Protein backbone atom coordinates (compact mmCIF):
# COMPACT_ATOMS: atom_id res chain seq x y z
CA MET A 1 -54.21 42.55 71.77
CA PRO A 2 -52.33 39.85 73.76
CA GLY A 3 -54.23 37.04 72.05
CA ALA A 4 -53.40 38.33 68.59
CA LYS A 5 -49.71 38.67 69.50
CA ARG A 6 -49.61 35.08 70.76
CA GLU A 7 -51.25 33.85 67.57
CA THR A 8 -48.81 35.84 65.42
CA THR A 9 -45.89 34.26 67.28
CA TYR A 10 -47.48 30.86 66.77
CA PHE A 11 -47.83 31.40 63.02
CA ARG A 12 -44.27 32.65 62.75
CA ARG A 13 -42.84 29.67 64.65
CA ARG A 14 -44.88 27.09 62.72
CA SER A 15 -44.19 28.64 59.33
CA GLU A 16 -40.45 28.76 60.02
CA GLN A 17 -40.51 25.11 61.09
CA ALA A 18 -42.36 24.13 57.92
CA TRP A 19 -39.96 26.24 55.84
CA ARG A 20 -36.90 24.50 57.30
CA LYS A 21 -38.45 21.07 56.64
CA SER A 22 -39.31 21.82 53.01
CA LYS A 23 -37.46 19.86 50.32
CA TRP A 24 -36.15 22.94 48.56
CA VAL A 25 -35.11 25.14 51.48
CA GLY A 26 -31.50 24.10 50.81
CA GLN A 27 -31.50 26.42 47.84
CA TRP A 28 -31.32 29.30 50.31
CA ALA A 29 -28.25 27.91 52.12
CA PRO A 30 -24.74 28.31 50.69
CA ALA A 31 -23.65 25.03 52.31
CA ALA A 32 -26.12 23.18 50.07
CA GLY A 33 -24.87 24.89 46.94
CA GLY A 34 -27.69 27.42 46.99
CA MET A 35 -27.84 31.11 47.72
CA ASP A 36 -27.51 33.09 50.89
CA LYS A 37 -28.64 36.68 51.20
CA SER A 38 -25.27 37.97 50.08
CA THR A 39 -25.64 36.25 46.69
CA MET A 40 -29.41 36.59 46.21
CA PRO A 41 -30.59 39.05 43.57
CA SER A 42 -31.57 42.28 45.25
CA PRO A 43 -35.16 43.53 45.20
CA ALA A 44 -33.94 46.54 43.20
CA GLN A 45 -32.90 44.43 40.24
CA GLN A 46 -32.27 40.85 39.14
CA THR A 47 -30.36 39.57 36.16
CA SER A 48 -31.23 36.22 34.58
CA MET A 49 -28.78 33.74 33.10
CA ARG A 50 -29.74 35.05 29.65
CA GLY A 51 -28.66 38.54 30.60
CA GLU A 52 -32.23 39.78 30.73
CA ARG A 53 -32.75 42.34 33.41
CA VAL A 54 -35.86 42.29 35.58
CA ARG A 55 -36.30 45.42 37.65
CA HIS A 56 -37.86 45.46 41.10
CA PRO A 57 -38.71 48.61 43.03
CA PRO A 58 -36.40 49.03 46.05
CA VAL A 59 -37.94 47.98 49.36
CA PRO A 60 -35.50 49.13 52.06
CA PHE A 61 -37.19 47.54 55.09
CA ALA A 62 -38.78 44.28 53.85
CA PRO A 63 -36.66 41.09 53.99
CA GLU A 64 -35.63 40.13 50.49
CA GLU A 65 -37.32 36.73 50.46
CA GLU A 66 -40.56 38.21 51.78
CA HIS A 67 -40.45 40.89 49.09
CA LEU A 68 -39.81 38.45 46.26
CA LEU A 69 -42.40 35.90 47.34
CA SER A 70 -45.28 38.07 48.56
CA SER A 71 -44.72 41.84 48.31
CA CYS A 72 -43.23 42.63 44.91
CA PRO A 73 -45.44 45.04 42.90
CA LYS A 74 -44.01 43.75 39.61
CA SER A 75 -44.75 40.12 40.46
CA LEU A 76 -48.25 41.17 41.42
CA ALA A 77 -48.73 43.05 38.13
CA ASP A 78 -47.31 40.13 36.13
CA GLY A 79 -49.88 37.79 37.65
CA ARG A 80 -47.40 35.56 39.49
CA TYR A 81 -49.17 35.82 42.82
CA ARG A 82 -52.55 35.34 41.14
CA TRP A 83 -51.28 32.16 39.53
CA ARG A 84 -50.12 30.82 42.89
CA HIS A 85 -53.44 31.84 44.48
CA ASP A 86 -55.32 29.90 41.81
CA GLN A 87 -53.22 26.77 42.39
CA VAL A 88 -54.25 26.79 46.07
CA LEU A 89 -57.84 27.70 45.26
CA LYS A 90 -58.07 24.74 42.90
CA ALA A 91 -56.85 22.38 45.63
CA VAL A 92 -59.39 23.74 48.15
CA ALA A 93 -62.22 23.60 45.61
CA GLU A 94 -61.45 19.99 44.70
CA SER A 95 -61.66 18.94 48.36
CA ILE A 96 -64.99 20.72 48.80
CA ALA A 97 -66.36 19.30 45.54
CA LEU A 98 -65.50 15.80 46.73
CA THR A 99 -67.35 16.40 49.99
CA ILE A 100 -70.42 17.68 48.13
CA SER A 101 -70.39 14.63 45.87
CA THR A 102 -70.06 12.29 48.84
CA SER A 103 -72.80 14.00 50.85
CA LYS A 104 -75.31 13.54 48.01
CA HIS A 105 -75.06 9.77 48.40
CA HIS A 106 -75.25 9.72 52.18
CA HIS A 107 -78.52 10.69 53.80
CA ALA A 108 -78.96 11.15 57.52
CA PRO A 109 -80.74 8.11 59.05
CA LYS A 110 -84.26 8.56 60.28
CA LYS A 111 -84.55 9.21 63.98
CA ALA A 112 -85.97 6.30 65.96
CA ILE A 113 -86.89 5.92 69.58
CA SER A 114 -84.72 3.31 71.31
CA PHE A 115 -85.95 1.70 74.49
CA ILE A 116 -83.45 0.79 77.19
CA LYS A 117 -84.18 -1.72 79.93
CA ALA A 118 -83.62 -0.77 83.53
CA GLY A 119 -79.98 -1.16 84.50
CA GLU A 120 -78.70 -1.29 80.91
CA ARG A 121 -76.40 1.26 79.38
CA PRO A 122 -77.35 2.87 76.07
CA ARG A 123 -75.44 1.53 73.12
CA ALA A 124 -73.24 3.91 71.21
CA GLY A 125 -74.79 4.58 67.84
CA PRO A 126 -72.90 5.15 64.60
CA GLN A 127 -71.19 8.50 64.23
CA ILE A 128 -73.03 10.80 61.85
CA THR A 129 -71.03 13.25 59.77
CA THR A 130 -72.34 16.76 60.32
CA GLY A 131 -71.60 20.01 58.56
CA LEU A 132 -73.23 22.54 56.29
CA LEU A 133 -72.64 20.49 53.16
CA HIS A 134 -74.60 17.60 54.67
CA THR A 135 -77.74 19.69 55.24
CA ALA A 136 -78.98 19.92 51.63
CA PRO A 137 -78.92 17.67 48.55
CA ASP A 138 -78.60 20.38 45.87
CA TRP A 139 -75.38 22.24 46.59
CA GLN A 140 -73.88 23.95 43.54
CA LEU A 141 -70.21 24.96 43.67
CA HIS A 142 -68.98 28.02 41.73
CA VAL A 143 -65.27 28.89 41.74
CA ASP A 144 -63.48 31.95 40.34
CA LEU A 145 -61.18 29.86 38.13
CA GLY A 146 -60.88 29.83 34.37
CA LYS A 147 -63.65 32.31 33.73
CA GLN A 148 -64.69 35.29 35.81
CA LEU A 149 -67.18 34.40 38.52
CA ILE A 150 -70.36 36.46 38.52
CA PHE A 151 -72.27 36.72 41.77
CA PRO A 152 -75.82 35.32 41.39
CA GLN A 153 -77.96 38.35 40.54
CA HIS A 154 -81.16 36.74 41.82
CA ILE A 155 -79.62 36.98 45.29
CA VAL A 156 -77.89 40.39 45.23
CA THR A 157 -76.45 42.60 42.52
CA THR A 158 -72.82 43.35 43.36
CA SER A 159 -69.47 43.80 41.70
CA LEU A 160 -67.71 41.80 44.43
CA ARG A 161 -66.38 38.38 43.45
CA PRO A 162 -65.71 35.94 46.26
CA ASP A 163 -63.33 33.14 45.26
CA MET A 164 -65.90 30.48 45.96
CA ILE A 165 -69.71 30.37 46.20
CA ILE A 166 -71.73 27.32 47.24
CA ILE A 167 -75.48 27.62 46.84
CA SER A 168 -78.47 25.53 47.89
CA GLU A 169 -81.59 26.90 46.22
CA ALA A 170 -83.85 24.46 48.06
CA SER A 171 -82.77 25.62 51.52
CA LYS A 172 -81.81 29.16 50.47
CA TYR A 173 -78.35 28.71 51.94
CA LEU A 174 -75.34 30.61 50.64
CA ILE A 175 -71.71 29.86 51.49
CA MET A 176 -68.98 32.31 50.43
CA LEU A 177 -65.26 31.77 50.84
CA GLU A 178 -62.43 34.18 50.04
CA LEU A 179 -58.90 32.77 49.80
CA THR A 180 -55.65 34.68 50.37
CA VAL A 181 -52.10 33.28 50.15
CA PRO A 182 -50.11 35.82 52.21
CA TRP A 183 -46.79 35.84 53.99
CA GLU A 184 -47.54 33.83 57.15
CA GLU A 185 -46.92 36.71 59.54
CA ARG A 186 -49.70 38.68 57.85
CA ILE A 187 -52.41 36.02 58.07
CA GLU A 188 -54.39 37.71 60.86
CA GLU A 189 -54.17 41.12 59.21
CA THR A 190 -55.37 39.66 55.90
CA ASN A 191 -58.26 37.84 57.56
CA GLU A 192 -59.55 41.01 59.21
CA ARG A 193 -59.31 43.00 55.96
CA LYS A 194 -61.16 40.42 53.87
CA ARG A 195 -63.81 39.97 56.55
CA ALA A 196 -64.54 43.69 56.53
CA LYS A 197 -64.57 43.82 52.72
CA TYR A 198 -67.50 41.41 52.39
CA GLN A 199 -69.44 42.32 55.53
CA GLU A 200 -71.94 44.54 53.70
CA LEU A 201 -72.55 41.90 51.04
CA VAL A 202 -73.24 39.31 53.74
CA GLU A 203 -75.78 41.58 55.38
CA ASP A 204 -77.48 42.28 52.02
CA CYS A 205 -77.80 38.56 51.31
CA ARG A 206 -79.29 37.92 54.72
CA GLY A 207 -81.67 40.82 54.19
CA ARG A 208 -82.94 39.03 51.06
CA GLY A 209 -83.80 35.96 53.12
CA TRP A 210 -80.68 33.91 52.41
CA ARG A 211 -78.93 32.13 55.25
CA THR A 212 -75.38 33.23 54.60
CA PHE A 213 -72.11 31.81 55.84
CA TYR A 214 -68.98 33.75 54.88
CA GLU A 215 -65.39 33.14 55.94
CA PRO A 216 -62.06 34.41 54.65
CA ILE A 217 -59.49 31.59 54.55
CA GLU A 218 -55.72 31.74 54.37
CA VAL A 219 -52.89 29.45 53.35
CA GLY A 220 -49.44 30.94 53.92
CA CYS A 221 -47.25 31.25 50.83
CA ARG A 222 -44.68 28.97 52.47
CA GLY A 223 -47.24 26.22 52.93
CA PHE A 224 -48.65 26.76 56.42
CA ALA A 225 -52.45 26.47 56.49
CA GLY A 226 -54.10 29.11 58.63
CA LEU A 227 -56.50 28.19 61.42
CA SER A 228 -59.27 29.74 59.34
CA LEU A 229 -58.95 27.02 56.69
CA CYS A 230 -59.02 24.25 59.29
CA LYS A 231 -62.13 25.70 60.95
CA VAL A 232 -63.96 26.17 57.65
CA PHE A 233 -63.33 22.59 56.54
CA GLY A 234 -64.77 21.38 59.85
CA ARG A 235 -67.79 23.67 59.58
CA LEU A 236 -68.53 22.47 56.06
CA GLY A 237 -68.32 18.83 57.09
CA VAL A 238 -64.85 17.93 55.81
CA THR A 239 -63.69 15.91 58.80
CA GLY A 240 -61.36 13.11 59.87
CA PRO A 241 -58.86 11.77 57.31
CA ALA A 242 -60.59 13.78 54.55
CA LYS A 243 -59.85 16.99 56.43
CA LYS A 244 -56.20 16.07 56.86
CA ARG A 245 -55.91 15.30 53.15
CA ALA A 246 -57.63 18.57 52.21
CA ILE A 247 -55.33 20.67 54.41
CA LYS A 248 -52.26 18.84 53.13
CA SER A 249 -53.36 19.34 49.52
CA ALA A 250 -53.80 23.09 49.98
CA SER A 251 -50.51 23.44 51.86
CA GLU A 252 -48.55 21.52 49.27
CA ALA A 253 -50.12 23.53 46.46
CA ALA A 254 -48.95 26.76 48.10
CA GLU A 255 -45.45 25.47 48.76
CA LYS A 256 -44.99 24.03 45.26
CA ALA A 257 -46.26 27.21 43.63
CA THR A 258 -43.96 29.37 45.76
CA ARG A 259 -41.05 27.10 44.86
CA TRP A 260 -41.88 27.58 41.19
CA LEU A 261 -42.03 31.36 41.60
CA TRP A 262 -38.66 31.32 43.34
CA LEU A 263 -37.03 29.22 40.64
CA LYS A 264 -38.47 31.49 37.93
CA ARG A 265 -37.94 34.73 39.81
CA ALA A 266 -35.54 36.19 37.22
CA ASP A 267 -37.33 34.91 34.12
CA PRO A 268 -39.96 36.81 32.15
CA TRP A 269 -43.37 35.64 33.32
CA VAL A 270 -45.92 34.21 30.91
CA ALA A 271 -49.30 33.57 32.49
CA THR A 272 -50.19 30.00 31.57
CA GLY A 273 -51.91 27.04 33.12
CA THR A 274 -48.56 25.45 33.94
CA GLN A 275 -48.75 23.36 37.08
CA ALA A 276 -46.34 24.18 39.89
CA GLY A 277 -43.18 22.15 39.77
CA SER A 278 -43.67 20.95 36.19
């Protein structure tokens, strides 16, 4: 599809620009005292400073940095990518929780009829923040962090676990979000796969009388926020400066976590709550 190809090119260009501007990209360049591809540990094996050997399955076609940061089966099994995913998920959840808290204290003003005299122009009224999170006062946020999220059984019984569920019992509204932190060039592919994965669940929820909004969202592992995240924030009612802060927070969480994974790439991994960059 021509549109998809243009969007892929856009993601690639923007992610490369962001990568070059990052504070730690110099570690990849030999001129900055870092590593180039000739001195990087190969995907087949890496040796740490302690002499400990960490084996990686050979990947003959994938670029080495892409393999190490997003495609390594061992890193996936160790939980490294899950840890990075949770760092980004936490940042997104905090932004949404703040919006929910703010919306509970701001009620939409009552509509009033304003009369305008002949020849006068109507006065511009105050801007009203709109979005799904401003339509109900009882939103409850559930995030798949810390303990395993269980989908509300009074809605539908399923083994699927979206990363985030926001429920309004009063309005019978259900919001589901699924986060992925892929290599930027695979954002569109990931979005389509996750959309298809939850399509049946969405239809089941709607069949039970729940108004259901579901969107997969992506933040590239090098810190580039996908268009899906920007659109979802707007749809939920995270707008203006708050939206910019939320996107920046998610992007920085991804970049810092990826930096941490890169620095610890040859060390044995211990799954802890360690914050990225600490």
